């Protein structure tokens, strides 16, 4: 039927152009098109808060601080793992020297 009518399949691409962000973004999923508009369209202002303050900007700054903090913790964890592994290797070498019949007397 489709062949008779001249209908052809059209593959929809995974990414589409986002006019707001001026970049190619996925159609769905993480960082999808329009995700910024959906999430940040209103910010509650506390009763005793200044209504002319940039509450949205403050929220974004807080998020950036959290991202930086998480990155710092990640790097600290990696350095801690490397240090622990090197300490464990050193202990294994010492144990191997002591495990010989000469108790490591002739080892370097």
C-alpha atoms as a PDB file:
ATOM      1  CA  UNK A   1       0.000   0.000   0.000  1.00  0.00           C
ATOM      2  CA  UNK A   2       2.742   2.474   1.018  1.00  0.00           C
ATOM      3  CA  UNK A   3       4.758   1.692  -2.077  1.00  0.00           C
ATOM      4  CA  UNK A   4       1.715   2.265  -4.281  1.00  0.00           C
ATOM      5  CA  UNK A   5       1.015   5.626  -2.644  1.00  0.00           C
ATOM      6  CA  UNK A   6       4.678   6.675  -2.761  1.00  0.00           C
ATOM      7  CA  UNK A   7       5.066   6.863   1.030  1.00  0.00           C
ATOM      8  CA  UNK A   8       8.635   6.495   2.224  1.00  0.00           C
ATOM      9  CA  UNK A   9      10.006   5.955   5.715  1.00  0.00           C
ATOM     10  CA  UNK A  10      11.625   8.971   7.318  1.00  0.00           C
ATOM     11  CA  UNK A  11      14.039   8.439  10.151  1.00  0.00           C
ATOM     12  CA  UNK A  12      13.691  10.974  12.947  1.00  0.00           C
ATOM     13  CA  UNK A  13      17.062  12.131  14.178  1.00  0.00           C
ATOM     14  CA  UNK A  14      18.031  11.864  17.825  1.00  0.00           C
ATOM     15  CA  UNK A  15      19.056  15.517  18.041  1.00  0.00           C
ATOM     16  CA  UNK A  16      17.207  18.652  17.008  1.00  0.00           C
ATOM     17  CA  UNK A  17      18.166  22.326  16.948  1.00  0.00           C
ATOM     18  CA  UNK A  18      17.182  24.249  20.087  1.00  0.00           C
ATOM     19  CA  UNK A  19      16.455  27.894  19.247  1.00  0.00           C
ATOM     20  CA  UNK A  20      16.723  29.042  22.872  1.00  0.00           C
ATOM     21  CA  UNK A  21      20.101  27.463  23.616  1.00  0.00           C
ATOM     22  CA  UNK A  22      21.362  27.846  20.020  1.00  0.00           C
ATOM     23  CA  UNK A  23      22.776  24.308  19.947  1.00  0.00           C
ATOM     24  CA  UNK A  24      21.900  20.751  18.979  1.00  0.00           C
ATOM     25  CA  UNK A  25      20.167  18.898  21.796  1.00  0.00           C
ATOM     26  CA  UNK A  26      18.691  15.423  22.216  1.00  0.00           C
ATOM     27  CA  UNK A  27      15.003  15.022  21.423  1.00  0.00           C
ATOM     28  CA  UNK A  28      14.477  13.277  24.774  1.00  0.00           C
ATOM     29  CA  UNK A  29      16.464  12.315  27.884  1.00  0.00           C
ATOM     30  CA  UNK A  30      19.279  14.191  29.607  1.00  0.00           C
ATOM     31  CA  UNK A  31      19.586  17.848  28.476  1.00  0.00           C
ATOM     32  CA  UNK A  32      16.561  17.490  26.197  1.00  0.00           C
ATOM     33  CA  UNK A  33      15.124  20.391  24.225  1.00  0.00           C
ATOM     34  CA  UNK A  34      13.132  22.756  26.407  1.00  0.00           C
ATOM     35  CA  UNK A  35      14.290  21.251  29.698  1.00  0.00           C
ATOM     36  CA  UNK A  36      15.476  24.650  30.959  1.00  0.00           C
ATOM     37  CA  UNK A  37      12.060  26.209  30.381  1.00  0.00           C
ATOM     38  CA  UNK A  38      10.231  23.342  32.074  1.00  0.00           C
ATOM     39  CA  UNK A  39      12.287  23.353  35.251  1.00  0.00           C
ATOM     40  CA  UNK A  40      13.057  27.008  35.969  1.00  0.00           C
ATOM     41  CA  UNK A  41       9.965  28.916  35.000  1.00  0.00           C
ATOM     42  CA  UNK A  42       9.044  30.118  38.523  1.00  0.00           C
ATOM     43  CA  UNK A  43      10.903  30.712  41.788  1.00  0.00           C
ATOM     44  CA  UNK A  44       9.153  31.207  45.116  1.00  0.00           C
ATOM     45  CA  UNK A  45      10.093  34.355  47.014  1.00  0.00           C
ATOM     46  CA  UNK A  46       9.948  34.115  50.823  1.00  0.00           C
ATOM     47  CA  UNK A  47       7.557  36.466  52.645  1.00  0.00           C
ATOM     48  CA  UNK A  48      10.383  38.398  54.277  1.00  0.00           C
ATOM     49  CA  UNK A  49      12.557  38.260  51.116  1.00  0.00           C
ATOM     50  CA  UNK A  50      13.358  41.145  48.795  1.00  0.00           C
ATOM     51  CA  UNK A  51      11.068  40.855  45.738  1.00  0.00           C
ATOM     52  CA  UNK A  52      13.572  42.692  43.526  1.00  0.00           C
ATOM     53  CA  UNK A  53      16.438  40.307  44.263  1.00  0.00           C
ATOM     54  CA  UNK A  54      17.529  37.874  41.534  1.00  0.00           C
ATOM     55  CA  UNK A  55      16.302  34.664  43.178  1.00  0.00           C
ATOM     56  CA  UNK A  56      16.753  32.579  40.037  1.00  0.00           C
ATOM     57  CA  UNK A  57      20.370  33.684  39.697  1.00  0.00           C
ATOM     58  CA  UNK A  58      20.992  32.858  43.350  1.00  0.00           C
ATOM     59  CA  UNK A  59      19.550  29.377  42.824  1.00  0.00           C
ATOM     60  CA  UNK A  60      21.800  28.825  39.796  1.00  0.00           C
ATOM     61  CA  UNK A  61      24.846  30.029  41.759  1.00  0.00           C
ATOM     62  CA  UNK A  62      24.030  27.561  44.526  1.00  0.00           C
ATOM     63  CA  UNK A  63      23.834  24.752  41.995  1.00  0.00           C
ATOM     64  CA  UNK A  64      27.215  25.736  40.530  1.00  0.00           C
ATOM     65  CA  UNK A  65      28.724  25.725  44.029  1.00  0.00           C
ATOM     66  CA  UNK A  66      27.357  22.233  44.629  1.00  0.00           C
ATOM     67  CA  UNK A  67      28.813  20.991  41.347  1.00  0.00           C
ATOM     68  CA  UNK A  68      32.222  22.439  42.254  1.00  0.00           C
ATOM     69  CA  UNK A  69      32.028  20.899  45.731  1.00  0.00           C
ATOM     70  CA  UNK A  70      31.161  17.479  44.273  1.00  0.00           C
ATOM     71  CA  UNK A  71      34.062  17.694  41.818  1.00  0.00           C
ATOM     72  CA  UNK A  72      36.467  18.556  44.650  1.00  0.00           C
ATOM     73  CA  UNK A  73      35.225  15.595  46.709  1.00  0.00           C
ATOM     74  CA  UNK A  74      35.583  13.307  43.677  1.00  0.00           C
ATOM     75  CA  UNK A  75      39.197  14.371  43.156  1.00  0.00           C
ATOM     76  CA  UNK A  76      39.935  13.939  46.869  1.00  0.00           C
ATOM     77  CA  UNK A  77      38.497  10.422  46.761  1.00  0.00           C
ATOM     78  CA  UNK A  78      40.658   9.533  43.763  1.00  0.00           C
ATOM     79  CA  UNK A  79      43.818  10.834  45.438  1.00  0.00           C
ATOM     80  CA  UNK A  80      42.941   8.938  48.617  1.00  0.00           C
ATOM     81  CA  UNK A  81      42.505   5.709  46.644  1.00  0.00           C
ATOM     82  CA  UNK A  82      45.868   6.159  44.924  1.00  0.00           C
ATOM     83  CA  UNK A  83      47.572   6.833  48.264  1.00  0.00           C
ATOM     84  CA  UNK A  84      45.969   3.783  49.887  1.00  0.00           C
ATOM     85  CA  UNK A  85      47.027   1.551  46.987  1.00  0.00           C
ATOM     86  CA  UNK A  86      50.626   2.791  47.111  1.00  0.00           C
ATOM     87  CA  UNK A  87      50.736   2.223  50.885  1.00  0.00           C
ATOM     88  CA  UNK A  88      49.390  -1.300  50.425  1.00  0.00           C
ATOM     89  CA  UNK A  89      52.019  -2.058  47.774  1.00  0.00           C
ATOM     90  CA  UNK A  90      54.778  -0.817  50.072  1.00  0.00           C
ATOM     91  CA  UNK A  91      53.519  -3.033  52.886  1.00  0.00           C
ATOM     92  CA  UNK A  92      53.412  -6.030  50.549  1.00  0.00           C
ATOM     93  CA  UNK A  93      57.019  -5.424  49.473  1.00  0.00           C
ATOM     94  CA  UNK A  94      58.147  -5.241  53.108  1.00  0.00           C
ATOM     95  CA  UNK A  95      56.282  -8.448  53.874  1.00  0.00           C
ATOM     96  CA  UNK A  96      57.896 -10.165  50.883  1.00  0.00           C
ATOM     97  CA  UNK A  97      61.376  -9.130  52.056  1.00  0.00           C
ATOM     98  CA  UNK A  98      60.701 -10.575  55.500  1.00  0.00           C
ATOM     99  CA  UNK A  99      59.241 -13.740  54.017  1.00  0.00           C
ATOM    100  CA  UNK A 100      62.561 -14.928  52.586  1.00  0.00           C
ATOM    101  CA  UNK A 101      64.732 -17.399  54.463  1.00  0.00           C
ATOM    102  CA  UNK A 102      67.247 -14.653  55.275  1.00  0.00           C
ATOM    103  CA  UNK A 103      64.442 -12.383  56.602  1.00  0.00           C
ATOM    104  CA  UNK A 104      65.354  -9.723  54.017  1.00  0.00           C
ATOM    105  CA  UNK A 105      68.981  -9.429  55.125  1.00  0.00           C
ATOM    106  CA  UNK A 106      70.347  -9.575  51.539  1.00  0.00           C
ATOM    107  CA  UNK A 107      67.518  -7.664  49.864  1.00  0.00           C
ATOM    108  CA  UNK A 108      67.956  -4.121  48.455  1.00  0.00           C
END
